[in-house]
Amino acid sequence: MTPNLRIWAPVAALVALAGVLGWLMGVRSTAPGETEVIERMAALYAEEGGQPTDCAARPAASDGLWLVVRCACGGDRAVREYFVDDFGRLAHRREKGEVTQC
């Protein structure tokens, strides 16, 4: 093996490994799409007794938040709002009234 190959082969392997690890971390940290987030929050609302079709989303006004998914049952009697962060995770939940079968 030539001296140049002994030096550059491990360097090339480390660069390739760093590239693969960086790509994997980037793929895993990518936020889901709006539709997926709204469907997930609507499914959470359905587990709590409401209908997924009662939900709609709007952009959040606070820093660090992405969407507010608002689920209302029977007008404004029972309202749940799910605040979603920039990575698609539930950051906070606010409710007013009891959710019953609509």
N, C-alpha and C. Protein backbone atom coordinates (compact mmCIF):
# COMPACT_ATOMS: atom_id res chain seq x y z
N MET A 1 0.85 -1.17 0.00
CA MET A 1 0.00 0.00 0.00
C MET A 1 0.90 1.24 0.00
N THR A 2 0.56 2.20 -0.80
CA THR A 2 1.38 3.40 -0.90
C THR A 2 1.14 4.30 0.30
N PRO A 3 2.10 5.13 0.65
CA PRO A 3 1.93 6.02 1.81
C PRO A 3 0.75 6.98 1.68
N ASN A 4 0.50 7.45 0.45
CA ASN A 4 -0.64 8.36 0.27
C ASN A 4 -1.97 7.67 0.56
N LEU A 5 -2.08 6.42 0.15
CA LEU A 5 -3.31 5.68 0.38
C LEU A 5 -3.51 5.39 1.86
N ARG A 6 -2.45 5.14 2.60
CA ARG A 6 -2.54 4.90 4.04
C ARG A 6 -3.06 6.13 4.79
N ILE A 7 -2.75 7.28 4.29
CA ILE A 7 -3.18 8.52 4.94
C ILE A 7 -4.61 8.89 4.54
N TRP A 8 -4.89 8.84 3.25
CA TRP A 8 -6.17 9.36 2.77
C TRP A 8 -7.34 8.37 2.84
N ALA A 9 -7.09 7.10 2.90
CA ALA A 9 -8.19 6.13 3.00
C ALA A 9 -8.99 6.30 4.30
N PRO A 10 -8.33 6.40 5.48
CA PRO A 10 -9.11 6.63 6.71
C PRO A 10 -9.82 7.99 6.71
N VAL A 11 -9.18 8.99 6.13
CA VAL A 11 -9.81 10.32 6.06
C VAL A 11 -11.06 10.25 5.19
N ALA A 12 -10.98 9.58 4.07
CA ALA A 12 -12.14 9.44 3.18
C ALA A 12 -13.25 8.65 3.87
N ALA A 13 -12.88 7.62 4.63
CA ALA A 13 -13.89 6.82 5.34
C ALA A 13 -14.58 7.67 6.41
N LEU A 14 -13.85 8.48 7.13
CA LEU A 14 -14.45 9.36 8.14
C LEU A 14 -15.36 10.41 7.52
N VAL A 15 -14.96 10.96 6.41
CA VAL A 15 -15.80 11.95 5.72
C VAL A 15 -17.10 11.29 5.24
N ALA A 16 -16.99 10.09 4.69
CA ALA A 16 -18.19 9.37 4.24
C ALA A 16 -19.11 9.04 5.42
N LEU A 17 -18.53 8.61 6.54
CA LEU A 17 -19.32 8.30 7.74
C LEU A 17 -20.02 9.56 8.26
N ALA A 18 -19.31 10.67 8.30
CA ALA A 18 -19.90 11.93 8.76
C ALA A 18 -21.05 12.35 7.84
N GLY A 19 -20.88 12.15 6.55
CA GLY A 19 -21.95 12.50 5.60
C GLY A 19 -23.18 11.65 5.81
N VAL A 20 -23.01 10.36 6.00
CA VAL A 20 -24.16 9.47 6.22
C VAL A 20 -24.87 9.81 7.53
N LEU A 21 -24.11 10.03 8.61
CA LEU A 21 -24.71 10.38 9.89
C LEU A 21 -25.44 11.72 9.82
N GLY A 22 -24.86 12.69 9.13
CA GLY A 22 -25.53 13.98 8.97
C GLY A 22 -26.83 13.85 8.20
N TRP A 23 -26.82 13.06 7.15
CA TRP A 23 -28.04 12.85 6.37
C TRP A 23 -29.12 12.18 7.22
N LEU A 24 -28.76 11.15 8.00
CA LEU A 24 -29.73 10.47 8.85
C LEU A 24 -30.32 11.40 9.90
N MET A 25 -29.50 12.21 10.51
CA MET A 25 -29.99 13.16 11.52
C MET A 25 -30.90 14.20 10.89
N GLY A 26 -30.58 14.64 9.69
CA GLY A 26 -31.43 15.61 9.00
C GLY A 26 -32.78 15.05 8.63
N VAL A 27 -32.81 13.81 8.19
CA VAL A 27 -34.07 13.17 7.82
C VAL A 27 -34.96 12.99 9.04
N ARG A 28 -34.38 12.62 10.15
CA ARG A 28 -35.15 12.37 11.37
C ARG A 28 -35.66 13.65 12.02
N SER A 29 -35.00 14.76 11.80
CA SER A 29 -35.42 16.01 12.44
C SER A 29 -36.36 16.84 11.57
N THR A 30 -36.70 16.36 10.41
CA THR A 30 -37.59 17.09 9.52
C THR A 30 -39.02 17.06 10.07
N ALA A 31 -39.64 18.21 10.11
CA ALA A 31 -41.01 18.30 10.62
C ALA A 31 -41.99 17.65 9.64
N PRO A 32 -43.05 17.05 10.16
CA PRO A 32 -44.08 16.48 9.27
C PRO A 32 -44.85 17.60 8.58
N GLY A 33 -45.64 17.24 7.59
CA GLY A 33 -46.44 18.22 6.86
C GLY A 33 -47.65 18.67 7.66
N GLU A 34 -48.25 19.76 7.22
CA GLU A 34 -49.41 20.31 7.92
C GLU A 34 -50.56 19.31 8.00
N THR A 35 -50.82 18.63 6.90
CA THR A 35 -51.94 17.68 6.88
C THR A 35 -51.73 16.58 7.90
N GLU A 36 -50.52 16.05 7.98
CA GLU A 36 -50.23 14.99 8.94
C GLU A 36 -50.42 15.47 10.38
N VAL A 37 -49.98 16.69 10.67
CA VAL A 37 -50.12 17.23 12.02
C VAL A 37 -51.60 17.44 12.36
N ILE A 38 -52.36 18.00 11.44
CA ILE A 38 -53.79 18.24 11.69
C ILE A 38 -54.51 16.91 11.90
N GLU A 39 -54.19 15.91 11.09
CA GLU A 39 -54.82 14.60 11.25
C GLU A 39 -54.47 13.97 12.59
N ARG A 40 -53.22 14.15 13.03
CA ARG A 40 -52.81 13.58 14.31
C ARG A 40 -53.53 14.25 15.48
N MET A 41 -53.68 15.58 15.43
CA MET A 41 -54.39 16.29 16.49
C MET A 41 -55.88 15.96 16.46
N ALA A 42 -56.45 15.80 15.26
CA ALA A 42 -57.85 15.42 15.13
C ALA A 42 -58.08 14.01 15.69
N ALA A 43 -57.11 13.13 15.49
CA ALA A 43 -57.22 11.78 16.06
C ALA A 43 -57.16 11.84 17.58
N LEU A 44 -56.33 12.70 18.13
CA LEU A 44 -56.27 12.89 19.58
C LEU A 44 -57.61 13.41 20.10
N TYR A 45 -58.19 14.34 19.38
CA TYR A 45 -59.50 14.88 19.75
C TYR A 45 -60.56 13.79 19.68
N ALA A 46 -60.49 12.93 18.68
CA ALA A 46 -61.45 11.83 18.55
C ALA A 46 -61.33 10.85 19.71
N GLU A 47 -60.11 10.62 20.20
CA GLU A 47 -59.92 9.76 21.36
C GLU A 47 -60.57 10.34 22.60
N GLU A 48 -60.71 11.66 22.64
CA GLU A 48 -61.30 12.34 23.79
C GLU A 48 -62.81 12.50 23.66
N GLY A 49 -63.39 11.96 22.61
CA GLY A 49 -64.84 11.96 22.49
C GLY A 49 -65.43 12.78 21.37
N GLY A 50 -64.63 13.52 20.63
CA GLY A 50 -65.15 14.36 19.55
C GLY A 50 -65.06 13.68 18.20
N GLN A 51 -65.40 14.41 17.18
CA GLN A 51 -65.33 13.94 15.80
C GLN A 51 -64.15 14.62 15.11
N PRO A 52 -63.34 13.87 14.37
CA PRO A 52 -62.20 14.48 13.69
C PRO A 52 -62.59 15.58 12.70
N THR A 53 -63.81 15.52 12.19
CA THR A 53 -64.24 16.54 11.23
C THR A 53 -64.56 17.88 11.89
N ASP A 54 -64.53 17.95 13.20
CA ASP A 54 -64.78 19.20 13.93
C ASP A 54 -63.54 20.08 14.01
N CYS A 55 -62.43 19.65 13.45
CA CYS A 55 -61.15 20.33 13.63
C CYS A 55 -60.72 21.13 12.40
N ALA A 56 -60.08 22.24 12.67
CA ALA A 56 -59.48 23.08 11.63
C ALA A 56 -58.21 23.70 12.21
N ALA A 57 -57.31 24.13 11.35
CA ALA A 57 -56.03 24.68 11.82
C ALA A 57 -55.82 26.08 11.28
N ARG A 58 -55.01 26.82 12.01
CA ARG A 58 -54.58 28.14 11.60
C ARG A 58 -53.13 28.31 12.04
N PRO A 59 -52.41 29.24 11.43
CA PRO A 59 -51.03 29.48 11.87
C PRO A 59 -51.00 30.04 13.29
N ALA A 60 -50.02 29.66 14.05
CA ALA A 60 -49.87 30.17 15.42
C ALA A 60 -49.25 31.57 15.39
N ALA A 61 -49.61 32.37 16.38
CA ALA A 61 -49.09 33.73 16.45
C ALA A 61 -47.87 33.83 17.38
N SER A 62 -47.59 32.82 18.17
CA SER A 62 -46.49 32.85 19.13
C SER A 62 -45.20 32.31 18.53
N ASP A 63 -44.09 32.80 19.04
CA ASP A 63 -42.79 32.29 18.62
C ASP A 63 -42.64 30.85 19.12
N GLY A 64 -42.04 30.02 18.31
CA GLY A 64 -41.82 28.64 18.68
C GLY A 64 -43.00 27.72 18.42
N LEU A 65 -44.12 28.29 17.98
CA LEU A 65 -45.28 27.48 17.63
C LEU A 65 -45.53 27.59 16.14
N TRP A 66 -46.10 26.55 15.58
CA TRP A 66 -46.32 26.49 14.15
C TRP A 66 -47.80 26.59 13.82
N LEU A 67 -48.61 25.72 14.43
CA LEU A 67 -50.04 25.66 14.13
C LEU A 67 -50.86 25.63 15.41
N VAL A 68 -52.10 26.08 15.30
CA VAL A 68 -53.10 25.88 16.34
C VAL A 68 -54.23 25.11 15.70
N VAL A 69 -54.47 23.90 16.18
CA VAL A 69 -55.57 23.08 15.68
C VAL A 69 -56.73 23.26 16.63
N ARG A 70 -57.83 23.81 16.13
CA ARG A 70 -59.01 24.13 16.95
C ARG A 70 -60.11 23.14 16.60
N CYS A 71 -60.60 22.46 17.62
CA CYS A 71 -61.68 21.49 17.45
C CYS A 71 -62.85 21.97 18.29
N ALA A 72 -63.98 22.22 17.64
CA ALA A 72 -65.15 22.76 18.33
C ALA A 72 -66.33 21.83 18.11
N CYS A 73 -67.02 21.54 19.18
CA CYS A 73 -68.18 20.64 19.14
C CYS A 73 -69.40 21.44 19.60
N GLY A 74 -70.40 21.51 18.77
CA GLY A 74 -71.62 22.22 19.15
C GLY A 74 -71.42 23.72 19.26
N GLY A 75 -70.93 24.32 18.23
CA GLY A 75 -70.68 25.77 18.26
C GLY A 75 -69.46 26.06 19.11
N ASP A 76 -69.61 26.95 20.09
CA ASP A 76 -68.50 27.28 20.98
C ASP A 76 -68.70 26.70 22.37
N ARG A 77 -69.62 25.77 22.53
CA ARG A 77 -69.84 25.18 23.86
C ARG A 77 -68.62 24.39 24.33
N ALA A 78 -68.06 23.57 23.47
CA ALA A 78 -66.90 22.75 23.81
C ALA A 78 -65.81 22.98 22.77
N VAL A 79 -64.72 23.59 23.19
CA VAL A 79 -63.63 23.93 22.28
C VAL A 79 -62.34 23.39 22.86
N ARG A 80 -61.56 22.75 22.02
CA ARG A 80 -60.21 22.33 22.39
C ARG A 80 -59.26 22.89 21.35
N GLU A 81 -58.17 23.44 21.84
CA GLU A 81 -57.13 23.95 20.95
C GLU A 81 -55.83 23.23 21.26
N TYR A 82 -55.20 22.76 20.21
CA TYR A 82 -53.93 22.05 20.32
C TYR A 82 -52.85 22.91 19.68
N PHE A 83 -51.87 23.31 20.47
CA PHE A 83 -50.79 24.16 20.00
C PHE A 83 -49.61 23.27 19.61
N VAL A 84 -49.17 23.37 18.37
CA VAL A 84 -48.16 22.49 17.80
C VAL A 84 -46.87 23.29 17.57
N ASP A 85 -45.74 22.72 18.01
CA ASP A 85 -44.47 23.43 17.83
C ASP A 85 -43.91 23.24 16.42
N ASP A 86 -42.73 23.80 16.20
CA ASP A 86 -42.13 23.78 14.87
C ASP A 86 -41.78 22.38 14.36
N PHE A 87 -41.70 21.41 15.25
CA PHE A 87 -41.35 20.05 14.87
C PHE A 87 -42.57 19.13 14.79
N GLY A 88 -43.77 19.70 14.90
CA GLY A 88 -44.98 18.91 14.78
C GLY A 88 -45.41 18.24 16.06
N ARG A 89 -44.83 18.62 17.19
CA ARG A 89 -45.17 18.02 18.47
C ARG A 89 -46.20 18.88 19.20
N LEU A 90 -47.04 18.23 19.99
CA LEU A 90 -48.01 18.94 20.80
C LEU A 90 -47.28 19.68 21.91
N ALA A 91 -47.39 21.01 21.93
CA ALA A 91 -46.71 21.82 22.93
C ALA A 91 -47.63 22.15 24.10
N HIS A 92 -48.91 22.35 23.81
CA HIS A 92 -49.86 22.77 24.84
C HIS A 92 -51.26 22.46 24.35
N ARG A 93 -52.17 22.24 25.30
CA ARG A 93 -53.56 22.00 24.97
C ARG A 93 -54.42 22.89 25.87
N ARG A 94 -55.42 23.55 25.26
CA ARG A 94 -56.33 24.40 26.03
C ARG A 94 -57.75 23.95 25.73
N GLU A 95 -58.57 23.88 26.75
CA GLU A 95 -59.96 23.44 26.53
C GLU A 95 -60.94 24.33 27.27
N LYS A 96 -62.15 24.38 26.69
CA LYS A 96 -63.25 25.12 27.29
C LYS A 96 -64.49 24.24 27.12
N GLY A 97 -65.09 23.86 28.21
CA GLY A 97 -66.29 23.03 28.14
C GLY A 97 -65.95 21.55 28.00
N GLU A 98 -66.95 20.73 28.12
CA GLU A 98 -66.81 19.28 28.02
C GLU A 98 -67.09 18.83 26.60
N VAL A 99 -66.26 17.95 26.10
CA VAL A 99 -66.48 17.36 24.78
C VAL A 99 -67.38 16.15 24.98
N THR A 100 -68.49 16.15 24.31
CA THR A 100 -69.40 15.01 24.32
C THR A 100 -69.60 14.56 22.89
N GLN A 101 -70.29 13.48 22.71
CA GLN A 101 -70.57 13.04 21.34
C GLN A 101 -71.46 14.06 20.65
N CYS A 102 -71.03 14.54 19.53
CA CYS A 102 -71.79 15.55 18.79
C CYS A 102 -72.69 14.91 17.76
